[in-house]
Amino acid sequence: MKKKLMIGLLVVSMLIGTGVQALADPLTTAQQQDLDNRKNQISAAEQKYAELQNKADELNIEIQKLVLAVQENESNISSVNKDIEALNVQIEDNKKEFEKKEELFKTRIKFLYENGGQANYITVLFSANSIGDFISKAQAIGKILSLDKQILEELDEKKKEYDVSVARLDTKKTELENLNSVNKSKLSDLNQKKDEQLVYIQKAKEEYAKLSSDLITTERNLYKPFENIINNTSISINDLNNSISALNSLKSTVTNSDVKNEINNLLTKANTSINKKKAEIEASKQTNTQTSPTNNQTQKPSNNTSTNPSNNAPVSASASKILEIAYSKLGADYVWGATGPDVFDCSGFTQYVYRQAGIYISRTTYTQINDGVAVSYSNLQPGDLVLTSAGHIGIYVGNGQMIHAPQTGDVVKVSKIWSFYAARRIL
């Protein structure tokens, strides 16, 4: 932009040396010095804005990492809660089984007590009628004693399972509490980073507002000499043509849309004046021809028209679709981690726009920087992804501008590319 501004001033100074400036108010040394001072101030403000915006982008990198960590913790907490629910069911089942075994054992003990305990087994054995009967009764008693032992072992096993489940539950609860604690800490860090970012963004906005105001003033000063010429009704067609050429060159150097419109209005007025003067000349010739025969001379019409040259490559159909979707979200609020359809962060906005056009790109700035193929600044085309830093991304719209979701407190908008870090072509 600074280079373009200097080119524009050079064009003006060259024309000042021609016949055009003879009809315009000359720049005094003081005026030229003031203009140079404004240029230097704009350059310094632009540099300061770029620095502040880059600091905000650096914070965005840290914030995005914290957001991802918080989201991971929330997923882990959800998983732990499911484990706790499953353990509660398991503990309840173990408790019921334990109580069932315990009740069975109590019934068995009560039976033994009421029937003489193990001494009764000896009576049963001595009541045998034969060796075979003795062996049969001994085997039966052995099975009963074995069953008692099995019941005790199962009861002990269920008690251990119950204790293990309770211990696991306590561990999971502790894990959940730790995750919640980490989550709260990270959220606190996130909010602190947000506050820090807002300070940088506010400074950047103030610097940018000053930059815009100074830039508009400077750019208007560039066309003022030619405005005086065009407003002069006695000016010649040649001087008007020179002014048109100068304004067309100047228009390609200015950046403010209002100033461009003002120059276009001057160009329209200059062409209207030329056509009017030519009509007057032609009418005068017709009058002279009728009063005194002369050799007719045909004057060729002027080819000077208001043009707006552009070095931008034509917008492809797919890029046009991308820009149409992107512009439909102008004014949407910026929200960390948001991916649309009504709120976005920077990479969420770019992913949403491409997804709506039927094209998949990855989610974060860190991964989108690897999507597609690399593009240099000089080869940027509308629809390309453009990064001002490793932490901020938008979509190139042409004329050194991009549409993007800037930061907290701001909305989706079109901005000048204040700093070029990288670009990727997806289409």
Protein backbone atom coordinates (compact mmCIF):
# COMPACT_ATOMS: atom_id res chain seq x y z
CA MET A 1 0.00 0.00 0.00
CA LYS A 2 2.82 2.40 0.91
CA LYS A 3 4.53 1.65 -2.42
CA LYS A 4 1.28 2.35 -4.30
CA LEU A 5 0.86 5.61 -2.41
CA MET A 6 4.36 6.71 -3.37
CA ILE A 7 3.67 5.79 -7.02
CA GLY A 8 0.51 7.88 -6.88
CA LEU A 9 2.42 10.85 -5.48
CA LEU A 10 5.01 10.40 -8.22
CA VAL A 11 2.26 10.49 -10.86
CA VAL A 12 0.90 13.67 -9.31
CA SER A 13 4.33 15.29 -9.14
CA MET A 14 5.05 14.40 -12.79
CA LEU A 15 1.78 15.94 -13.88
CA ILE A 16 2.48 18.95 -11.70
CA GLY A 17 5.44 19.59 -13.98
CA THR A 18 3.16 19.70 -17.06
CA GLY A 19 0.51 22.11 -18.21
CA VAL A 20 -2.11 20.62 -15.92
CA GLN A 21 -0.55 21.99 -12.74
CA ALA A 22 -0.44 25.47 -14.20
CA LEU A 23 -4.18 25.52 -13.69
CA ALA A 24 -4.14 23.90 -10.24
CA ASP A 25 -3.16 25.22 -6.85
CA PRO A 26 0.58 24.44 -6.47
CA LEU A 27 1.84 22.58 -3.40
CA THR A 28 3.93 24.74 -1.16
CA THR A 29 6.99 23.41 0.64
CA ALA A 30 4.97 23.33 3.85
CA GLN A 31 2.15 21.40 2.17
CA GLN A 32 4.58 18.89 0.68
CA GLN A 33 6.23 18.45 4.09
CA ASP A 34 2.83 17.92 5.71
CA LEU A 35 1.97 15.31 3.07
CA ASP A 36 5.29 13.53 3.66
CA ASN A 37 4.68 13.59 7.42
CA ARG A 38 1.25 12.03 6.92
CA LYS A 39 2.81 9.29 4.79
CA ASN A 40 5.34 8.54 7.52
CA GLN A 41 2.64 8.51 10.21
CA ILE A 42 0.48 6.16 8.14
CA SER A 43 3.43 3.86 7.58
CA ALA A 44 4.21 3.81 11.32
CA ALA A 45 0.55 3.24 12.24
CA GLU A 46 0.25 0.43 9.71
CA GLN A 47 3.38 -1.24 11.13
CA LYS A 48 2.05 -0.84 14.68
CA TYR A 49 -1.31 -2.31 13.69
CA ALA A 50 0.41 -5.32 12.08
CA GLU A 51 2.45 -5.87 15.25
CA LEU A 52 -0.60 -5.69 17.52
CA GLN A 53 -2.64 -7.94 15.27
CA ASN A 54 0.19 -10.48 15.20
CA LYS A 55 0.27 -10.46 19.01
CA ALA A 56 -3.44 -11.17 19.00
CA ASP A 57 -2.84 -14.01 16.54
CA GLU A 58 -0.16 -15.46 18.83
CA LEU A 59 -2.69 -15.43 21.67
CA ASN A 60 -5.15 -17.16 19.36
CA ILE A 61 -2.67 -20.02 18.98
CA GLU A 62 -2.46 -20.44 22.76
CA ILE A 63 -6.21 -20.10 23.16
CA GLN A 64 -6.93 -22.71 20.49
CA LYS A 65 -4.63 -25.13 22.31
CA LEU A 66 -6.48 -24.48 25.57
CA VAL A 67 -9.85 -24.95 23.86
CA LEU A 68 -8.72 -28.31 22.51
CA ALA A 69 -7.43 -29.33 25.96
CA VAL A 70 -10.72 -28.33 27.60
CA GLN A 71 -12.69 -30.27 24.98
CA GLU A 72 -10.49 -33.33 25.56
CA ASN A 73 -11.04 -33.08 29.33
CA GLU A 74 -14.79 -32.81 28.84
CA SER A 75 -14.68 -35.97 26.71
CA ASN A 76 -12.65 -37.75 29.40
CA ILE A 77 -15.07 -36.63 32.10
CA SER A 78 -17.97 -38.01 30.07
CA SER A 79 -16.10 -41.33 29.74
CA VAL A 80 -15.39 -41.45 33.49
CA ASN A 81 -19.05 -40.77 34.27
CA LYS A 82 -20.03 -43.74 32.08
CA ASP A 83 -17.47 -45.93 33.90
CA ILE A 84 -18.89 -44.84 37.24
CA GLU A 85 -22.42 -45.73 36.12
CA ALA A 86 -21.21 -49.18 35.01
CA LEU A 87 -19.35 -49.70 38.29
CA ASN A 88 -22.42 -48.71 40.29
CA VAL A 89 -24.40 -51.41 38.46
CA GLN A 90 -21.61 -53.95 39.04
CA ILE A 91 -21.36 -53.07 42.74
CA GLU A 92 -25.10 -53.44 43.15
CA ASP A 93 -25.00 -56.87 41.43
CA ASN A 94 -22.06 -57.99 43.60
CA LYS A 95 -23.84 -56.77 46.69
CA LYS A 96 -26.97 -58.78 45.85
CA GLU A 97 -24.90 -61.90 45.10
CA PHE A 98 -22.94 -61.44 48.31
CA GLU A 99 -26.14 -61.10 50.32
CA LYS A 100 -27.56 -64.20 48.61
CA LYS A 101 -24.49 -66.30 49.45
CA GLU A 102 -24.40 -64.89 52.94
CA GLU A 103 -28.04 -65.83 53.52
CA LEU A 104 -27.41 -69.36 52.20
CA PHE A 105 -24.46 -69.80 54.53
CA LYS A 106 -26.44 -68.49 57.50
CA THR A 107 -29.20 -71.02 56.73
CA ARG A 108 -26.61 -73.80 56.55
CA ILE A 109 -25.03 -72.82 59.88
CA LYS A 110 -28.45 -72.63 61.50
CA PHE A 111 -29.28 -76.11 60.19
CA LEU A 112 -26.04 -77.58 61.56
CA TYR A 113 -26.58 -75.92 64.91
CA GLU A 114 -30.15 -77.16 65.23
CA ASN A 115 -29.12 -80.72 64.29
CA GLY A 116 -26.10 -81.15 66.53
CA GLY A 117 -23.40 -79.72 64.30
CA GLN A 118 -20.56 -81.92 63.08
CA ALA A 119 -21.11 -84.38 66.01
CA ASN A 120 -24.28 -85.42 64.26
CA TYR A 121 -22.17 -86.54 61.26
CA ILE A 122 -20.46 -89.16 63.52
CA THR A 123 -23.82 -90.49 64.68
CA VAL A 124 -24.87 -90.85 61.07
CA LEU A 125 -21.72 -92.81 60.25
CA PHE A 126 -22.11 -95.23 63.21
CA SER A 127 -25.67 -95.93 62.21
CA ALA A 128 -24.45 -97.57 58.99
CA ASN A 129 -25.73 -101.14 58.46
CA SER A 130 -22.83 -102.23 56.33
CA ILE A 131 -19.48 -101.18 54.94
CA GLY A 132 -21.18 -100.08 51.74
CA ASP A 133 -23.70 -98.06 53.71
CA PHE A 134 -20.87 -96.50 55.75
CA ILE A 135 -18.96 -95.51 52.62
CA SER A 136 -22.11 -94.08 51.03
CA LYS A 137 -22.92 -92.01 54.14
CA ALA A 138 -19.30 -90.89 54.47
CA GLN A 139 -19.33 -89.69 50.85
CA ALA A 140 -22.59 -87.79 51.42
CA ILE A 141 -21.18 -86.13 54.52
CA GLY A 142 -18.02 -85.23 52.55
CA LYS A 143 -20.12 -83.57 49.86
CA ILE A 144 -21.96 -81.55 52.50
CA LEU A 145 -18.71 -80.45 54.11
CA SER A 146 -17.26 -79.66 50.66
CA LEU A 147 -20.35 -77.59 49.86
CA ASP A 148 -19.90 -75.67 53.11
CA LYS A 149 -16.31 -74.98 52.16
CA GLN A 150 -17.35 -73.88 48.66
CA ILE A 151 -19.97 -71.55 50.08
CA LEU A 152 -17.35 -69.96 52.34
CA GLU A 153 -14.89 -69.57 49.45
CA GLU A 154 -17.54 -68.05 47.16
CA LEU A 155 -18.67 -65.77 49.95
CA ASP A 156 -15.09 -64.62 50.46
CA GLU A 157 -14.62 -64.16 46.69
CA LYS A 158 -17.77 -62.05 46.38
CA LYS A 159 -16.61 -59.96 49.31
CA LYS A 160 -13.28 -59.36 47.55
CA GLU A 161 -15.03 -58.49 44.25
CA TYR A 162 -17.24 -56.07 46.12
CA ASP A 163 -14.24 -54.44 47.81
CA VAL A 164 -12.37 -54.19 44.46
CA SER A 165 -15.39 -52.57 42.79
CA VAL A 166 -15.72 -50.06 45.60
CA ALA A 167 -11.99 -49.26 45.35
CA ARG A 168 -12.27 -48.81 41.56
CA LEU A 169 -15.22 -46.50 42.06
CA ASP A 170 -13.25 -44.42 44.55
CA THR A 171 -10.36 -44.25 42.05
CA LYS A 172 -12.70 -43.15 39.26
CA LYS A 173 -14.27 -40.53 41.49
CA THR A 174 -10.82 -39.19 42.35
CA GLU A 175 -9.92 -39.18 38.65
CA LEU A 176 -13.09 -37.24 37.87
CA GLU A 177 -12.35 -34.70 40.58
CA ASN A 178 -8.81 -34.26 39.21
CA LEU A 179 -10.13 -33.81 35.66
CA ASN A 180 -12.64 -31.25 36.85
CA SER A 181 -9.89 -29.42 38.69
CA VAL A 182 -7.66 -29.40 35.59
CA ASN A 183 -10.64 -28.31 33.50
CA LYS A 184 -11.38 -25.38 35.78
CA SER A 185 -7.72 -24.37 35.76
CA LYS A 186 -7.56 -24.45 31.96
CA LEU A 187 -10.82 -22.52 31.66
CA SER A 188 -9.40 -19.91 34.02
CA ASP A 189 -6.27 -19.68 31.84
CA LEU A 190 -8.50 -19.41 28.77
CA ASN A 191 -10.48 -16.52 30.22
CA GLN A 192 -7.25 -14.78 31.21
CA LYS A 193 -5.93 -15.17 27.67
CA LYS A 194 -9.21 -13.76 26.34
CA ASP A 195 -8.82 -10.68 28.54
CA GLU A 196 -5.23 -10.22 27.36
CA GLN A 197 -6.32 -10.55 23.75
CA LEU A 198 -9.07 -7.98 24.14
CA VAL A 199 -6.48 -5.44 25.30
CA TYR A 200 -4.36 -6.05 22.19
CA ILE A 201 -7.40 -5.99 19.90
CA GLN A 202 -8.63 -2.70 21.36
CA LYS A 203 -5.21 -1.16 20.78
CA ALA A 204 -5.18 -2.55 17.25
CA LYS A 205 -8.62 -1.08 16.55
CA GLU A 206 -7.54 2.34 17.81
CA GLU A 207 -4.39 2.25 15.69
CA TYR A 208 -6.34 1.05 12.68
CA ALA A 209 -8.98 3.77 13.10
CA LYS A 210 -6.22 6.37 13.16
CA LEU A 211 -4.60 4.72 10.13
CA SER A 212 -7.86 4.76 8.17
CA SER A 213 -8.58 8.39 9.00
CA ASP A 214 -5.09 9.56 8.03
CA LEU A 215 -5.10 7.41 4.90
CA ILE A 216 -8.41 8.84 3.65
CA THR A 217 -7.13 12.38 4.20
CA THR A 218 -3.89 11.65 2.35
CA GLU A 219 -5.62 9.91 -0.57
CA ARG A 220 -8.12 12.76 -0.94
CA ASN A 221 -5.27 15.26 -1.04
CA LEU A 222 -3.87 13.37 -4.04
CA TYR A 223 -6.86 14.07 -6.30
CA LYS A 224 -7.69 17.59 -5.06
CA PRO A 225 -5.54 19.39 -7.69
CA PHE A 226 -7.38 17.58 -10.48
CA GLU A 227 -10.75 18.31 -8.85
CA ASN A 228 -9.96 22.02 -9.15
CA ILE A 229 -9.11 21.55 -12.84
CA ILE A 230 -12.28 19.59 -13.63
CA ASN A 231 -14.47 22.10 -11.76
CA ASN A 232 -12.99 24.94 -13.84
CA THR A 233 -15.52 25.50 -16.66
CA SER A 234 -12.98 27.37 -18.80
CA ILE A 235 -10.44 24.52 -18.79
CA SER A 236 -9.35 23.04 -22.14
CA ILE A 237 -10.20 19.57 -23.42
CA ASN A 238 -6.49 18.74 -23.43
CA ASP A 239 -6.16 19.56 -19.72
CA LEU A 240 -9.30 17.55 -18.96
CA ASN A 241 -7.85 14.57 -20.84
CA ASN A 242 -4.60 14.89 -18.88
CA SER A 243 -6.59 15.00 -15.64
CA ILE A 244 -8.54 11.87 -16.64
CA SER A 245 -5.29 9.99 -17.35
CA ALA A 246 -3.85 11.08 -14.03
CA LEU A 247 -6.99 10.14 -12.08
CA ASN A 248 -7.15 6.70 -13.73
CA SER A 249 -3.55 6.09 -12.64
CA LEU A 250 -4.27 7.51 -9.21
CA LYS A 251 -7.38 5.35 -8.74
CA SER A 252 -5.31 2.16 -8.90
CA THR A 253 -3.11 3.43 -6.03
CA VAL A 254 -5.80 4.39 -3.51
CA THR A 255 -7.31 1.82 -1.15
CA ASN A 256 -10.33 3.51 0.40
CA SER A 257 -13.59 2.67 -1.42
CA ASP A 258 -15.12 6.09 -0.70
CA VAL A 259 -12.13 7.83 -2.26
CA LYS A 260 -12.35 5.51 -5.29
CA ASN A 261 -16.02 6.47 -5.70
CA GLU A 262 -15.14 10.16 -5.43
CA ILE A 263 -12.50 9.74 -8.15
CA ASN A 264 -15.03 7.88 -10.33
CA ASN A 265 -17.46 10.79 -9.90
CA LEU A 266 -14.72 13.22 -10.98
CA LEU A 267 -13.96 11.04 -14.01
CA THR A 268 -17.63 11.03 -14.97
CA LYS A 269 -17.79 14.79 -14.56
CA ALA A 270 -14.61 15.28 -16.64
CA ASN A 271 -15.93 13.10 -19.48
CA THR A 272 -19.25 14.94 -19.37
CA SER A 273 -17.37 18.26 -19.65
CA ILE A 274 -15.33 16.94 -22.59
CA ASN A 275 -18.46 15.75 -24.43
CA LYS A 276 -20.13 19.08 -23.78
CA LYS A 277 -17.13 21.05 -25.03
CA LYS A 278 -16.88 18.85 -28.15
CA ALA A 279 -20.58 19.38 -28.82
CA GLU A 280 -20.07 23.13 -28.53
CA ILE A 281 -17.10 22.97 -30.92
CA GLU A 282 -19.07 20.86 -33.40
CA ALA A 283 -22.02 23.25 -33.19
CA SER A 284 -19.68 26.16 -33.79
CA LYS A 285 -18.23 24.39 -36.84
CA GLN A 286 -21.70 23.75 -38.20
CA THR A 287 -22.52 27.42 -37.79
CA ASN A 288 -19.29 28.46 -39.52
CA THR A 289 -19.94 25.96 -42.35
CA GLN A 290 -23.38 27.43 -42.97
CA THR A 291 -22.10 31.01 -43.02
CA SER A 292 -18.82 30.44 -44.92
CA PRO A 293 -17.89 27.29 -46.84
CA THR A 294 -14.72 25.66 -45.54
CA ASN A 295 -13.04 22.31 -45.76
CA ASN A 296 -14.87 20.05 -43.33
CA GLN A 297 -12.66 18.48 -40.69
CA THR A 298 -13.91 15.51 -38.78
CA GLN A 299 -12.77 15.31 -35.20
CA LYS A 300 -12.42 11.80 -33.81
CA PRO A 301 -14.25 11.16 -30.53
CA SER A 302 -12.13 10.86 -27.42
CA ASN A 303 -11.36 7.38 -26.23
CA ASN A 304 -10.81 8.62 -22.67
CA THR A 305 -13.23 6.83 -20.38
CA SER A 306 -13.37 6.04 -16.73
CA THR A 307 -11.63 2.74 -16.30
CA ASN A 308 -10.70 0.67 -13.34
CA PRO A 309 -7.78 -1.55 -14.32
CA SER A 310 -7.27 -4.66 -12.26
CA ASN A 311 -4.41 -7.09 -12.16
CA ASN A 312 -6.51 -9.72 -10.39
CA ALA A 313 -7.06 -13.04 -12.13
CA PRO A 314 -10.66 -13.74 -13.17
CA VAL A 315 -12.74 -15.39 -10.47
CA SER A 316 -13.53 -19.03 -11.29
CA ALA A 317 -17.03 -20.45 -10.84
CA SER A 318 -15.98 -22.45 -7.76
CA ALA A 319 -14.18 -19.44 -6.24
CA SER A 320 -17.26 -17.33 -6.94
CA LYS A 321 -19.34 -19.84 -4.97
CA ILE A 322 -16.85 -19.74 -2.09
CA LEU A 323 -16.98 -15.93 -1.95
CA GLU A 324 -20.78 -15.91 -2.23
CA ILE A 325 -21.06 -18.18 0.82
CA ALA A 326 -18.38 -16.26 2.73
CA TYR A 327 -20.01 -12.86 2.09
CA SER A 328 -23.38 -14.24 3.25
CA LYS A 329 -21.85 -14.52 6.74
CA LEU A 330 -20.65 -10.91 7.00
CA GLY A 331 -21.46 -9.61 10.49
CA ALA A 332 -21.56 -13.05 12.15
CA ASP A 333 -20.04 -12.97 15.66
CA TYR A 334 -16.64 -14.46 16.50
CA VAL A 335 -16.76 -17.22 19.14
CA TRP A 336 -13.85 -19.47 20.12
CA GLY A 337 -14.20 -23.00 18.82
CA ALA A 338 -17.36 -22.19 16.81
CA THR A 339 -17.89 -23.68 13.34
CA GLY A 340 -21.18 -22.03 12.30
CA PRO A 341 -23.71 -21.58 11.02
CA ASP A 342 -24.16 -18.30 12.92
CA VAL A 343 -20.93 -17.91 14.95
CA PHE A 344 -17.34 -18.78 14.01
CA ASP A 345 -13.70 -18.73 14.95
CA CYS A 346 -11.22 -18.08 12.12
CA SER A 347 -10.58 -21.68 11.01
CA GLY A 348 -14.17 -22.66 11.79
CA PHE A 349 -15.31 -19.97 9.34
CA THR A 350 -13.03 -21.14 6.51
CA GLN A 351 -13.98 -24.79 7.06
CA TYR A 352 -17.70 -23.91 7.10
CA VAL A 353 -17.51 -21.89 3.86
CA TYR A 354 -15.69 -24.64 1.97
CA ARG A 355 -17.95 -27.34 3.41
CA GLN A 356 -21.05 -25.46 2.22
CA ALA A 357 -19.47 -25.43 -1.26
CA GLY A 358 -19.05 -29.22 -1.06
CA ILE A 359 -15.30 -29.13 -0.37
CA TYR A 360 -13.76 -30.67 2.76
CA ILE A 361 -10.84 -29.01 4.55
CA SER A 362 -9.54 -29.78 8.04
CA ARG A 363 -10.68 -28.03 11.22
CA THR A 364 -7.86 -25.96 12.75
CA THR A 365 -5.41 -23.34 11.57
CA TYR A 366 -2.56 -25.75 12.36
CA THR A 367 -3.93 -28.33 9.91
CA GLN A 368 -5.42 -26.03 7.27
CA ILE A 369 -1.93 -24.64 6.67
CA ASN A 370 -1.16 -28.07 5.15
CA ASP A 371 -4.36 -28.40 3.08
CA GLY A 372 -4.17 -27.88 -0.69
CA VAL A 373 -0.97 -26.48 -2.23
CA ALA A 374 1.23 -23.54 -1.24
CA VAL A 375 0.70 -20.19 -3.01
CA SER A 376 2.90 -17.08 -2.93
CA TYR A 377 1.47 -13.65 -2.16
CA SER A 378 2.00 -12.48 -5.75
CA ASN A 379 0.00 -15.45 -7.09
CA LEU A 380 -2.99 -15.16 -4.76
CA GLN A 381 -6.39 -15.72 -6.35
CA PRO A 382 -9.89 -15.19 -4.90
CA GLY A 383 -10.90 -18.23 -2.87
CA ASP A 384 -7.38 -19.06 -1.65
CA LEU A 385 -6.80 -19.57 2.07
CA VAL A 386 -4.50 -16.84 3.40
CA LEU A 387 -2.74 -16.79 6.79
CA THR A 388 -1.52 -13.61 8.48
CA SER A 389 0.28 -15.77 11.06
CA ALA A 390 0.39 -19.38 12.22
CA GLY A 391 -2.67 -18.64 14.33
CA HIS A 392 -5.00 -16.75 11.99
CA ILE A 393 -6.57 -17.63 8.62
CA GLY A 394 -9.09 -16.16 6.19
CA ILE A 395 -10.19 -16.34 2.54
CA TYR A 396 -8.65 -14.08 -0.12
CA VAL A 397 -11.21 -11.91 -1.96
CA GLY A 398 -8.89 -9.88 -4.19
CA ASN A 399 -7.28 -6.41 -4.08
CA GLY A 400 -5.01 -7.41 -1.17
CA GLN A 401 -8.01 -8.14 1.08
CA MET A 402 -9.46 -11.16 2.83
CA ILE A 403 -12.76 -12.08 4.50
CA HIS A 404 -12.25 -13.58 7.95
CA ALA A 405 -13.52 -14.04 11.51
CA PRO A 406 -11.00 -11.85 13.40
CA GLN A 407 -11.23 -12.27 17.17
CA THR A 408 -13.43 -11.95 20.27
CA GLY A 409 -15.66 -8.88 20.19
CA ASP A 410 -15.46 -8.65 16.41
CA VAL A 411 -17.50 -10.02 13.51
CA VAL A 412 -16.89 -11.64 10.12
CA LYS A 413 -15.66 -8.87 7.84
CA VAL A 414 -13.39 -7.94 4.93
CA SER A 415 -9.98 -6.56 5.92
CA LYS A 416 -6.72 -5.62 4.31
CA ILE A 417 -4.08 -8.38 4.59
CA TRP A 418 -1.89 -6.67 7.19
CA SER A 419 0.75 -9.40 7.31
CA PHE A 420 1.39 -12.31 4.95
CA TYR A 421 2.50 -15.60 6.55
CA ALA A 422 1.37 -18.27 4.07
CA ALA A 423 -1.39 -19.16 1.59
CA ARG A 424 -2.96 -22.40 0.38
CA ARG A 425 -4.91 -23.10 -2.80
CA ILE A 426 -7.73 -25.61 -2.33
CA LEU A 427 -9.67 -25.12 -5.60
